[in-house]
Amino acid sequence: MNGVTLRQLDYFLAVAKHGSVTAAATACHVSPGGISLALTELEAALGAQLLLRRRAKGATLTPAGRWVADRALPIVQDLGELMHAAKQMQGQLIGPLRIGCFTTLSPWMMPRIIEHFAANHPAVDIEMVEGSSDQLQERLLAGELDLCFMYSLHVSTPVDVQTIAPVRLQLLLSPDHPLAAQEEVELRDLAGEPAAVLALRPASDLVETILRNAGFEPNIKWRSTSVETIRSLVARGQAYSVLMGRPLGDRTYEGLPLAYRRIKDDLPENAVVAAYAAGTKPSLKNRTLIEYCRNEFSDRSPVQ
């Protein structure tokens, strides 16, 4: 057993996962000869045949190989965590960071986050997951995400949150709409008119509730998972919308102008938040990410 090394176990597990020496070599960025040598050394150290290797048929685990693989995997994972912890104690951030982001927030937040970490923490491997707030919270609670960014009014599960930036819904109109001449608009003035809403829950539920609270049943004519589709429908005078984000320029993809107006009604307070599983202590990577986002976005929220 004194001859067993982490490299040998890594290569053995790679062959077990990928089913051949060649595929394992590609995954590990080494030569097939290097993989074969490590396997031979490992089998000699353990005194057992771990793999059946057949030309053109790949490699399969022997019963002894399955036994070793089951025990080697947690050893390799634990050693990897130990190495990460040692580097973090030296002030380095390293390893995967799985970030979820509500679809409409992602263009505003994720490119800057990725650029910042690439420049300042290059050993952090960011995985980006976009989706509805409901989907992100499911994945967060399943342990598939480290944290996610969404709106505070979308939180519907037992998660802990930290505020990144305050936000407020705005009314989106065609510049030719009669109400576009006003700086502030009461929602009741839109009763009966066709609306286009974001087809992502719970965002759609929130907007519809706000419209009903204004005293009328909204006429939802269009639903889309794309904010840009909604913006284009509004610009062409086919509907109004109530949205959170406001890209620079107030124009659609095709260059048509839009009119954003403040909603005069009382609206529930809302904010962009970082959410993570309730009761968990944020890792150093999470804390670094949250601190950066607060500094970067607190004065530049998508809607002031």
C-alpha atoms as a PDB file:
ATOM      1  CA  MET A   1       0.000   0.000   0.000  1.00  0.00           C
ATOM      2  CA  ASN A   2       2.933   2.339   0.445  1.00  0.00           C
ATOM      3  CA  GLY A   3       3.273   2.529  -3.339  1.00  0.00           C
ATOM      4  CA  VAL A   4      -0.275   3.880  -3.960  1.00  0.00           C
ATOM      5  CA  THR A   5      -0.361   7.505  -5.114  1.00  0.00           C
ATOM      6  CA  LEU A   6      -3.115  10.025  -5.706  1.00  0.00           C
ATOM      7  CA  ARG A   7      -2.165  10.163  -9.385  1.00  0.00           C
ATOM      8  CA  GLN A   8      -2.667   6.401  -9.725  1.00  0.00           C
ATOM      9  CA  LEU A   9      -6.095   6.572  -8.089  1.00  0.00           C
ATOM     10  CA  ASP A  10      -7.090   9.561 -10.240  1.00  0.00           C
ATOM     11  CA  TYR A  11      -6.190   7.725 -13.450  1.00  0.00           C
ATOM     12  CA  PHE A  12      -7.843   4.496 -12.296  1.00  0.00           C
ATOM     13  CA  LEU A  13     -11.092   6.309 -11.511  1.00  0.00           C
ATOM     14  CA  ALA A  14     -10.920   8.085 -14.878  1.00  0.00           C
ATOM     15  CA  VAL A  15     -10.704   4.720 -16.689  1.00  0.00           C
ATOM     16  CA  ALA A  16     -13.575   3.381 -14.571  1.00  0.00           C
ATOM     17  CA  LYS A  17     -15.679   6.441 -15.466  1.00  0.00           C
ATOM     18  CA  HIS A  18     -14.884   6.705 -19.183  1.00  0.00           C
ATOM     19  CA  GLY A  19     -14.584   3.004 -19.984  1.00  0.00           C
ATOM     20  CA  SER A  20     -11.228   2.999 -21.762  1.00  0.00           C
ATOM     21  CA  VAL A  21      -7.620   4.021 -21.327  1.00  0.00           C
ATOM     22  CA  THR A  22      -7.785   6.250 -24.403  1.00  0.00           C
ATOM     23  CA  ALA A  23     -10.872   8.144 -23.199  1.00  0.00           C
ATOM     24  CA  ALA A  24      -9.369   8.522 -19.711  1.00  0.00           C
ATOM     25  CA  ALA A  25      -6.137   9.870 -21.208  1.00  0.00           C
ATOM     26  CA  THR A  26      -8.100  12.484 -23.150  1.00  0.00           C
ATOM     27  CA  ALA A  27     -10.041  13.518 -20.048  1.00  0.00           C
ATOM     28  CA  CYS A  28      -6.892  13.730 -17.915  1.00  0.00           C
ATOM     29  CA  HIS A  29      -4.809  15.446 -20.642  1.00  0.00           C
ATOM     30  CA  VAL A  30      -2.071  12.805 -20.511  1.00  0.00           C
ATOM     31  CA  SER A  31      -0.872  10.076 -22.861  1.00  0.00           C
ATOM     32  CA  PRO A  32      -2.489   6.614 -22.898  1.00  0.00           C
ATOM     33  CA  GLY A  33       0.926   5.239 -21.988  1.00  0.00           C
ATOM     34  CA  GLY A  34       0.969   7.328 -18.827  1.00  0.00           C
ATOM     35  CA  ILE A  35      -2.453   5.981 -17.848  1.00  0.00           C
ATOM     36  CA  SER A  36      -1.414   2.380 -18.529  1.00  0.00           C
ATOM     37  CA  LEU A  37       1.770   2.725 -16.481  1.00  0.00           C
ATOM     38  CA  ALA A  38      -0.144   4.178 -13.520  1.00  0.00           C
ATOM     39  CA  LEU A  39      -2.656   1.310 -13.674  1.00  0.00           C
ATOM     40  CA  THR A  40       0.100  -1.288 -13.773  1.00  0.00           C
ATOM     41  CA  GLU A  41       1.804   0.308 -10.766  1.00  0.00           C
ATOM     42  CA  LEU A  42      -1.503   0.470  -8.854  1.00  0.00           C
ATOM     43  CA  GLU A  43      -2.330  -3.170  -9.514  1.00  0.00           C
ATOM     44  CA  ALA A  44       1.174  -4.183  -8.433  1.00  0.00           C
ATOM     45  CA  ALA A  45       0.907  -2.135  -5.226  1.00  0.00           C
ATOM     46  CA  LEU A  46      -2.489  -3.633  -4.349  1.00  0.00           C
ATOM     47  CA  GLY A  47      -1.669  -7.155  -5.520  1.00  0.00           C
ATOM     48  CA  ALA A  48      -4.901  -7.456  -7.481  1.00  0.00           C
ATOM     49  CA  GLN A  49      -6.168  -7.113 -11.038  1.00  0.00           C
ATOM     50  CA  LEU A  50      -8.497  -4.131 -11.164  1.00  0.00           C
ATOM     51  CA  LEU A  51      -9.373  -3.928 -14.856  1.00  0.00           C
ATOM     52  CA  LEU A  52      -9.983  -6.194 -17.807  1.00  0.00           C
ATOM     53  CA  ARG A  53      -8.486  -4.403 -20.796  1.00  0.00           C
ATOM     54  CA  ARG A  54      -9.432  -5.662 -24.244  1.00  0.00           C
ATOM     55  CA  ARG A  55      -8.260  -4.073 -27.459  1.00  0.00           C
ATOM     56  CA  ALA A  56     -11.092  -2.186 -29.205  1.00  0.00           C
ATOM     57  CA  LYS A  57     -13.472  -3.073 -26.368  1.00  0.00           C
ATOM     58  CA  GLY A  58     -12.293  -0.688 -23.695  1.00  0.00           C
ATOM     59  CA  ALA A  59     -11.792  -1.574 -20.051  1.00  0.00           C
ATOM     60  CA  THR A  60     -14.167  -3.054 -17.486  1.00  0.00           C
ATOM     61  CA  LEU A  61     -13.779  -3.319 -13.734  1.00  0.00           C
ATOM     62  CA  THR A  62     -13.135  -6.654 -12.092  1.00  0.00           C
ATOM     63  CA  PRO A  63     -14.932  -7.370  -8.788  1.00  0.00           C
ATOM     64  CA  ALA A  64     -11.746  -6.241  -7.014  1.00  0.00           C
ATOM     65  CA  GLY A  65     -11.709  -3.152  -9.218  1.00  0.00           C
ATOM     66  CA  ARG A  66     -15.264  -2.225  -8.246  1.00  0.00           C
ATOM     67  CA  TRP A  67     -14.375  -2.647  -4.580  1.00  0.00           C
ATOM     68  CA  VAL A  68     -11.328  -0.385  -4.945  1.00  0.00           C
ATOM     69  CA  ALA A  69     -13.251   2.208  -7.006  1.00  0.00           C
ATOM     70  CA  ASP A  70     -15.973   2.504  -4.351  1.00  0.00           C
ATOM     71  CA  ARG A  71     -13.338   3.252  -1.704  1.00  0.00           C
ATOM     72  CA  ALA A  72     -10.975   5.310  -3.845  1.00  0.00           C
ATOM     73  CA  LEU A  73     -13.556   7.899  -4.898  1.00  0.00           C
ATOM     74  CA  PRO A  74     -14.173   9.419  -1.424  1.00  0.00           C
ATOM     75  CA  ILE A  75     -10.421   9.336  -0.743  1.00  0.00           C
ATOM     76  CA  VAL A  76      -9.673  11.329  -3.895  1.00  0.00           C
ATOM     77  CA  GLN A  77     -12.531  13.751  -3.184  1.00  0.00           C
ATOM     78  CA  ASP A  78     -11.378  14.299   0.392  1.00  0.00           C
ATOM     79  CA  LEU A  79      -7.798  14.930  -0.705  1.00  0.00           C
ATOM     80  CA  GLY A  80      -9.055  17.388  -3.318  1.00  0.00           C
ATOM     81  CA  GLU A  81     -11.023  19.271  -0.684  1.00  0.00           C
ATOM     82  CA  LEU A  82      -7.977  19.288   1.570  1.00  0.00           C
ATOM     83  CA  MET A  83      -5.853  20.805  -1.186  1.00  0.00           C
ATOM     84  CA  HIS A  84      -8.526  23.443  -1.865  1.00  0.00           C
ATOM     85  CA  ALA A  85      -8.737  24.268   1.834  1.00  0.00           C
ATOM     86  CA  ALA A  86      -4.972  24.624   2.076  1.00  0.00           C
ATOM     87  CA  LYS A  87      -4.933  27.103  -0.807  1.00  0.00           C
ATOM     88  CA  GLN A  88      -7.830  29.036   0.703  1.00  0.00           C
ATOM     89  CA  MET A  89      -5.913  29.300   3.963  1.00  0.00           C
ATOM     90  CA  GLN A  90      -3.186  30.937   1.894  1.00  0.00           C
ATOM     91  CA  GLY A  91      -5.730  33.478   0.650  1.00  0.00           C
ATOM     92  CA  GLN A  92      -6.440  31.811  -2.709  1.00  0.00           C
ATOM     93  CA  LEU A  93      -9.873  30.974  -4.085  1.00  0.00           C
ATOM     94  CA  ILE A  94     -10.042  27.740  -6.026  1.00  0.00           C
ATOM     95  CA  GLY A  95     -12.499  25.193  -7.339  1.00  0.00           C
ATOM     96  CA  PRO A  96     -16.038  25.185  -8.748  1.00  0.00           C
ATOM     97  CA  LEU A  97     -18.587  27.916  -8.036  1.00  0.00           C
ATOM     98  CA  ARG A  98     -22.082  27.051  -9.275  1.00  0.00           C
ATOM     99  CA  ILE A  99     -24.096  30.257  -9.700  1.00  0.00           C
ATOM    100  CA  GLY A 100     -27.775  30.342 -10.585  1.00  0.00           C
ATOM    101  CA  CYS A 101     -29.262  33.523 -12.019  1.00  0.00           C
ATOM    102  CA  PHE A 102     -32.817  34.531 -12.880  1.00  0.00           C
ATOM    103  CA  THR A 103     -33.026  34.718 -16.660  1.00  0.00           C
ATOM    104  CA  THR A 104     -33.668  38.452 -16.958  1.00  0.00           C
ATOM    105  CA  LEU A 105     -30.942  39.326 -14.441  1.00  0.00           C
ATOM    106  CA  SER A 106     -28.284  37.238 -16.127  1.00  0.00           C
ATOM    107  CA  PRO A 107     -27.280  39.666 -18.938  1.00  0.00           C
ATOM    108  CA  TRP A 108     -26.879  42.432 -16.360  1.00  0.00           C
ATOM    109  CA  MET A 109     -24.948  40.453 -13.732  1.00  0.00           C
ATOM    110  CA  MET A 110     -23.197  37.358 -15.045  1.00  0.00           C
ATOM    111  CA  PRO A 111     -20.804  38.816 -17.667  1.00  0.00           C
ATOM    112  CA  ARG A 112     -19.351  41.229 -15.096  1.00  0.00           C
ATOM    113  CA  ILE A 113     -19.100  38.497 -12.446  1.00  0.00           C
ATOM    114  CA  ILE A 114     -17.311  36.151 -14.861  1.00  0.00           C
ATOM    115  CA  GLU A 115     -14.927  38.893 -15.998  1.00  0.00           C
ATOM    116  CA  HIS A 116     -14.128  39.858 -12.394  1.00  0.00           C
ATOM    117  CA  PHE A 117     -13.362  36.300 -11.295  1.00  0.00           C
ATOM    118  CA  ALA A 118     -11.318  35.578 -14.427  1.00  0.00           C
ATOM    119  CA  ALA A 119      -9.128  38.588 -13.659  1.00  0.00           C
ATOM    120  CA  ASN A 120      -8.911  38.304  -9.867  1.00  0.00           C
ATOM    121  CA  HIS A 121      -9.615  34.654  -8.987  1.00  0.00           C
ATOM    122  CA  PRO A 122      -8.645  32.619 -12.076  1.00  0.00           C
ATOM    123  CA  ALA A 123      -8.556  29.316 -10.153  1.00  0.00           C
ATOM    124  CA  VAL A 124     -12.316  29.548  -9.536  1.00  0.00           C
ATOM    125  CA  ASP A 125     -14.278  27.578 -12.136  1.00  0.00           C
ATOM    126  CA  ILE A 126     -17.669  29.307 -12.531  1.00  0.00           C
ATOM    127  CA  GLU A 127     -20.647  27.276 -13.722  1.00  0.00           C
ATOM    128  CA  MET A 128     -23.582  29.461 -14.778  1.00  0.00           C
ATOM    129  CA  VAL A 129     -27.168  28.201 -14.592  1.00  0.00           C
ATOM    130  CA  GLU A 130     -30.049  30.372 -15.840  1.00  0.00           C
ATOM    131  CA  GLY A 131     -33.748  29.781 -15.254  1.00  0.00           C
ATOM    132  CA  SER A 132     -36.899  30.874 -13.488  1.00  0.00           C
ATOM    133  CA  SER A 133     -36.728  31.660  -9.770  1.00  0.00           C
ATOM    134  CA  ASP A 134     -38.765  28.539  -9.010  1.00  0.00           C
ATOM    135  CA  GLN A 135     -36.349  26.341 -10.957  1.00  0.00           C
ATOM    136  CA  LEU A 136     -33.305  27.937  -9.349  1.00  0.00           C
ATOM    137  CA  GLN A 137     -34.662  27.470  -5.833  1.00  0.00           C
ATOM    138  CA  GLU A 138     -35.362  23.789  -6.541  1.00  0.00           C
ATOM    139  CA  ARG A 139     -31.792  23.274  -7.709  1.00  0.00           C
ATOM    140  CA  LEU A 140     -30.423  25.279  -4.792  1.00  0.00           C
ATOM    141  CA  LEU A 141     -32.212  23.125  -2.240  1.00  0.00           C
ATOM    142  CA  ALA A 142     -31.139  19.973  -4.112  1.00  0.00           C
ATOM    143  CA  GLY A 143     -27.507  20.986  -3.591  1.00  0.00           C
ATOM    144  CA  GLU A 144     -26.898  21.627  -7.296  1.00  0.00           C
ATOM    145  CA  LEU A 145     -26.086  25.338  -6.854  1.00  0.00           C
ATOM    146  CA  ASP A 146     -23.876  27.215  -4.395  1.00  0.00           C
ATOM    147  CA  LEU A 147     -26.114  30.289  -4.549  1.00  0.00           C
ATOM    148  CA  CYS A 148     -28.453  32.047  -6.929  1.00  0.00           C
ATOM    149  CA  PHE A 149     -29.438  35.595  -7.804  1.00  0.00           C
ATOM    150  CA  MET A 150     -33.130  36.481  -8.029  1.00  0.00           C
ATOM    151  CA  TYR A 151     -35.638  39.055  -6.839  1.00  0.00           C
ATOM    152  CA  SER A 152     -36.626  39.052  -3.173  1.00  0.00           C
ATOM    153  CA  LEU A 153     -40.332  38.924  -4.079  1.00  0.00           C
ATOM    154  CA  HIS A 154     -39.667  35.628  -5.879  1.00  0.00           C
ATOM    155  CA  VAL A 155     -38.370  33.831  -2.794  1.00  0.00           C
ATOM    156  CA  SER A 156     -40.773  31.006  -1.957  1.00  0.00           C
ATOM    157  CA  THR A 157     -38.615  28.349  -0.269  1.00  0.00           C
ATOM    158  CA  PRO A 158     -36.589  28.137   2.978  1.00  0.00           C
ATOM    159  CA  VAL A 159     -33.487  29.987   1.834  1.00  0.00           C
ATOM    160  CA  ASP A 160     -31.340  32.668   3.419  1.00  0.00           C
ATOM    161  CA  VAL A 161     -30.805  35.844   1.412  1.00  0.00           C
ATOM    162  CA  GLN A 162     -28.466  38.813   1.342  1.00  0.00           C
ATOM    163  CA  THR A 163     -29.545  41.996  -0.435  1.00  0.00           C
ATOM    164  CA  ILE A 164     -27.504  43.078  -3.438  1.00  0.00           C
ATOM    165  CA  ALA A 165     -29.452  46.073  -4.814  1.00  0.00           C
ATOM    166  CA  PRO A 166     -32.951  47.605  -4.454  1.00  0.00           C
ATOM    167  CA  VAL A 167     -35.177  47.547  -7.550  1.00  0.00           C
ATOM    168  CA  ARG A 168     -38.626  48.768  -8.622  1.00  0.00           C
ATOM    169  CA  LEU A 169     -41.006  47.636 -11.353  1.00  0.00           C
ATOM    170  CA  GLN A 170     -41.610  50.051 -14.215  1.00  0.00           C
ATOM    171  CA  LEU A 171     -44.316  50.412 -16.812  1.00  0.00           C
ATOM    172  CA  LEU A 172     -43.251  49.842 -20.402  1.00  0.00           C
ATOM    173  CA  LEU A 173     -45.186  51.575 -23.177  1.00  0.00           C
ATOM    174  CA  SER A 174     -44.900  52.431 -26.834  1.00  0.00           C
ATOM    175  CA  PRO A 175     -43.797  56.076 -27.200  1.00  0.00           C
ATOM    176  CA  ASP A 176     -47.029  56.613 -29.178  1.00  0.00           C
ATOM    177  CA  HIS A 177     -49.239  55.449 -26.310  1.00  0.00           C
ATOM    178  CA  PRO A 178     -51.294  58.344 -24.822  1.00  0.00           C
ATOM    179  CA  LEU A 179     -50.042  57.584 -21.302  1.00  0.00           C
ATOM    180  CA  ALA A 180     -46.402  57.857 -22.442  1.00  0.00           C
ATOM    181  CA  ALA A 181     -46.781  61.651 -22.138  1.00  0.00           C
ATOM    182  CA  GLN A 182     -46.967  61.278 -18.345  1.00  0.00           C
ATOM    183  CA  GLU A 183     -43.931  60.864 -16.077  1.00  0.00           C
ATOM    184  CA  GLU A 184     -45.932  58.679 -13.670  1.00  0.00           C
ATOM    185  CA  VAL A 185     -48.852  56.406 -14.553  1.00  0.00           C
ATOM    186  CA  GLU A 186     -51.560  54.836 -12.400  1.00  0.00           C
ATOM    187  CA  LEU A 187     -52.052  51.210 -13.381  1.00  0.00           C
ATOM    188  CA  ARG A 188     -55.859  51.502 -13.324  1.00  0.00           C
ATOM    189  CA  ASP A 189     -55.600  53.733 -16.390  1.00  0.00           C
ATOM    190  CA  LEU A 190     -54.543  50.613 -18.330  1.00  0.00           C
ATOM    191  CA  ALA A 191     -57.701  48.610 -17.525  1.00  0.00           C
ATOM    192  CA  GLY A 192     -58.892  46.676 -20.561  1.00  0.00           C
ATOM    193  CA  GLU A 193     -55.757  47.197 -22.604  1.00  0.00           C
ATOM    194  CA  PRO A 194     -53.760  44.184 -23.826  1.00  0.00           C
ATOM    195  CA  ALA A 195     -50.721  43.296 -21.714  1.00  0.00           C
ATOM    196  CA  ALA A 196     -47.604  41.228 -22.409  1.00  0.00           C
ATOM    197  CA  VAL A 197     -46.040  39.480 -19.416  1.00  0.00           C
ATOM    198  CA  LEU A 198     -42.977  37.406 -18.752  1.00  0.00           C
ATOM    199  CA  ALA A 199     -43.878  33.716 -18.786  1.00  0.00           C
ATOM    200  CA  LEU A 200     -41.544  32.798 -15.925  1.00  0.00           C
ATOM    201  CA  ARG A 201     -42.888  32.000 -12.482  1.00  0.00           C
ATOM    202  CA  PRO A 202     -43.250  33.557 -10.026  1.00  0.00           C
ATOM    203  CA  ALA A 203     -42.574  36.770 -12.002  1.00  0.00           C
ATOM    204  CA  SER A 204     -45.820  36.438 -13.982  1.00  0.00           C
ATOM    205  CA  ASP A 205     -47.852  35.779 -10.818  1.00  0.00           C
ATOM    206  CA  LEU A 206     -46.375  38.856  -9.153  1.00  0.00           C
ATOM    207  CA  VAL A 207     -47.197  41.192 -12.045  1.00  0.00           C
ATOM    208  CA  GLU A 208     -50.737  39.865 -12.405  1.00  0.00           C
ATOM    209  CA  THR A 209     -51.344  40.287  -8.665  1.00  0.00           C
ATOM    210  CA  ILE A 210     -50.104  43.883  -8.786  1.00  0.00           C
ATOM    211  CA  LEU A 211     -52.431  44.640 -11.708  1.00  0.00           C
ATOM    212  CA  ARG A 212     -55.409  43.082  -9.908  1.00  0.00           C
ATOM    213  CA  ASN A 213     -54.587  45.127  -6.804  1.00  0.00           C
ATOM    214  CA  ALA A 214     -54.956  48.205  -9.020  1.00  0.00           C
ATOM    215  CA  GLY A 215     -58.650  47.343  -9.324  1.00  0.00           C
ATOM    216  CA  PHE A 216     -59.080  45.457 -12.601  1.00  0.00           C
ATOM    217  CA  GLU A 217     -58.608  42.026 -14.156  1.00  0.00           C
ATOM    218  CA  PRO A 218     -55.608  42.255 -16.498  1.00  0.00           C
ATOM    219  CA  ASN A 219     -56.110  41.436 -20.157  1.00  0.00           C
ATOM    220  CA  ILE A 220     -53.052  39.215 -20.665  1.00  0.00           C
ATOM    221  CA  LYS A 221     -52.771  38.999 -24.443  1.00  0.00           C
ATOM    222  CA  TRP A 222     -49.198  37.764 -24.776  1.00  0.00           C
ATOM    223  CA  ARG A 223     -46.860  35.652 -22.650  1.00  0.00           C
ATOM    224  CA  SER A 224     -43.204  35.089 -23.499  1.00  0.00           C
ATOM    225  CA  THR A 225     -40.094  33.762 -21.777  1.00  0.00           C
ATOM    226  CA  SER A 226     -38.090  36.381 -23.693  1.00  0.00           C
ATOM    227  CA  VAL A 227     -37.944  39.937 -22.366  1.00  0.00           C
ATOM    228  CA  GLU A 228     -36.840  41.118 -25.803  1.00  0.00           C
ATOM    229  CA  THR A 229     -39.939  39.644 -27.430  1.00  0.00           C
ATOM    230  CA  ILE A 230     -42.098  41.493 -24.904  1.00  0.00           C
ATOM    231  CA  ARG A 231     -40.190  44.730 -25.471  1.00  0.00           C
ATOM    232  CA  SER A 232     -40.647  44.408 -29.240  1.00  0.00           C
ATOM    233  CA  LEU A 233     -44.395  43.793 -28.893  1.00  0.00           C
ATOM    234  CA  VAL A 234     -44.689  46.902 -26.730  1.00  0.00           C
ATOM    235  CA  ALA A 235     -42.610  49.022 -29.105  1.00  0.00           C
ATOM    236  CA  ARG A 236     -44.962  48.031 -31.956  1.00  0.00           C
ATOM    237  CA  GLY A 237     -47.975  49.143 -29.947  1.00  0.00           C
ATOM    238  CA  GLN A 238     -49.404  45.652 -29.409  1.00  0.00           C
ATOM    239  CA  ALA A 239     -49.388  45.726 -25.600  1.00  0.00           C
ATOM    240  CA  TYR A 240     -48.054  47.338 -22.460  1.00  0.00           C
ATOM    241  CA  SER A 241     -45.892  45.520 -19.938  1.00  0.00           C
ATOM    242  CA  VAL A 242     -44.635  45.756 -16.374  1.00  0.00           C
ATOM    243  CA  LEU A 243     -40.970  44.812 -16.180  1.00  0.00           C
ATOM    244  CA  MET A 244     -38.010  45.088 -13.850  1.00  0.00           C
ATOM    245  CA  GLY A 245     -34.990  45.409 -16.124  1.00  0.00           C
ATOM    246  CA  ARG A 246     -34.192  48.446 -18.212  1.00  0.00           C
ATOM    247  CA  PRO A 247     -31.310  48.008 -20.691  1.00  0.00           C
ATOM    248  CA  LEU A 248     -29.383  51.095 -21.697  1.00  0.00           C
ATOM    249  CA  GLY A 249     -30.741  52.898 -24.724  1.00  0.00           C
ATOM    250  CA  ASP A 250     -34.479  52.180 -24.289  1.00  0.00           C
ATOM    251  CA  ARG A 251     -34.628  50.508 -27.679  1.00  0.00           C
ATOM    252  CA  THR A 252     -35.483  47.022 -28.908  1.00  0.00           C
ATOM    253  CA  TYR A 253     -33.164  44.685 -30.808  1.00  0.00           C
ATOM    254  CA  GLU A 254     -34.486  46.130 -34.059  1.00  0.00           C
ATOM    255  CA  GLY A 255     -33.944  49.713 -32.890  1.00  0.00           C
ATOM    256  CA  LEU A 256     -37.525  50.724 -32.098  1.00  0.00           C
ATOM    257  CA  PRO A 257     -37.902  53.215 -29.212  1.00  0.00           C
ATOM    258  CA  LEU A 258     -39.589  52.390 -25.904  1.00  0.00           C
ATOM    259  CA  ALA A 259     -41.035  54.524 -23.121  1.00  0.00           C
ATOM    260  CA  TYR A 260     -40.344  53.511 -19.514  1.00  0.00           C
ATOM    261  CA  ARG A 261     -42.571  55.250 -16.980  1.00  0.00           C
ATOM    262  CA  ARG A 262     -42.657  55.191 -13.195  1.00  0.00           C
ATOM    263  CA  ILE A 263     -45.688  53.433 -11.700  1.00  0.00           C
ATOM    264  CA  LYS A 264     -47.575  55.781  -9.385  1.00  0.00           C
ATOM    265  CA  ASP A 265     -49.213  52.990  -7.375  1.00  0.00           C
ATOM    266  CA  ASP A 266     -47.706  51.744  -4.132  1.00  0.00           C
ATOM    267  CA  LEU A 267     -45.629  48.682  -4.978  1.00  0.00           C
ATOM    268  CA  PRO A 268     -44.157  46.053  -2.646  1.00  0.00           C
ATOM    269  CA  GLU A 269     -40.488  46.596  -1.855  1.00  0.00           C
ATOM    270  CA  ASN A 270     -38.202  44.471  -3.976  1.00  0.00           C
ATOM    271  CA  ALA A 271     -34.486  43.840  -4.373  1.00  0.00           C
ATOM    272  CA  VAL A 272     -31.953  41.692  -6.151  1.00  0.00           C
ATOM    273  CA  VAL A 273     -30.768  39.137  -3.597  1.00  0.00           C
ATOM    274  CA  ALA A 274     -28.213  36.362  -3.318  1.00  0.00           C
ATOM    275  CA  ALA A 275     -29.959  33.255  -1.989  1.00  0.00           C
ATOM    276  CA  TYR A 276     -28.434  30.116  -0.497  1.00  0.00           C
ATOM    277  CA  ALA A 277     -29.781  27.124   1.404  1.00  0.00           C
ATOM    278  CA  ALA A 278     -31.148  28.099   4.818  1.00  0.00           C
ATOM    279  CA  GLY A 279     -28.876  27.402   7.746  1.00  0.00           C
ATOM    280  CA  THR A 280     -25.718  26.974   5.662  1.00  0.00           C
ATOM    281  CA  LYS A 281     -22.648  29.089   6.213  1.00  0.00           C
ATOM    282  CA  PRO A 282     -21.581  30.787   2.956  1.00  0.00           C
ATOM    283  CA  SER A 283     -18.192  29.592   1.747  1.00  0.00           C
ATOM    284  CA  LEU A 284     -15.303  31.974   1.163  1.00  0.00           C
ATOM    285  CA  LYS A 285     -16.113  31.904  -2.559  1.00  0.00           C
ATOM    286  CA  ASN A 286     -19.748  32.776  -1.871  1.00  0.00           C
ATOM    287  CA  ARG A 287     -18.785  35.595   0.489  1.00  0.00           C
ATOM    288  CA  THR A 288     -16.319  36.990  -2.047  1.00  0.00           C
ATOM    289  CA  LEU A 289     -18.982  36.857  -4.779  1.00  0.00           C
ATOM    290  CA  ILE A 290     -21.604  38.597  -2.630  1.00  0.00           C
ATOM    291  CA  GLU A 291     -19.166  41.335  -1.566  1.00  0.00           C
ATOM    292  CA  TYR A 292     -18.200  41.979  -5.192  1.00  0.00           C
ATOM    293  CA  CYS A 293     -21.849  42.142  -6.310  1.00  0.00           C
ATOM    294  CA  ARG A 294     -22.778  44.584  -3.566  1.00  0.00           C
ATOM    295  CA  ASN A 295     -19.929  46.878  -4.560  1.00  0.00           C
ATOM    296  CA  GLU A 296     -20.558  46.527  -8.277  1.00  0.00           C
ATOM    297  CA  PHE A 297     -24.356  46.619  -8.474  1.00  0.00           C
ATOM    298  CA  SER A 298     -25.703  48.442  -5.417  1.00  0.00           C
ATOM    299  CA  ASP A 299     -25.595  51.850  -7.136  1.00  0.00           C
ATOM    300  CA  ARG A 300     -26.329  50.476 -10.600  1.00  0.00           C
ATOM    301  CA  SER A 301     -29.424  48.351 -10.227  1.00  0.00           C
ATOM    302  CA  PRO A 302     -31.368  47.474 -13.410  1.00  0.00           C
ATOM    303  CA  VAL A 303     -34.169  49.808 -12.329  1.00  0.00           C
ATOM    304  CA  GLN A 304     -33.486  52.618  -9.861  1.00  0.00           C
END
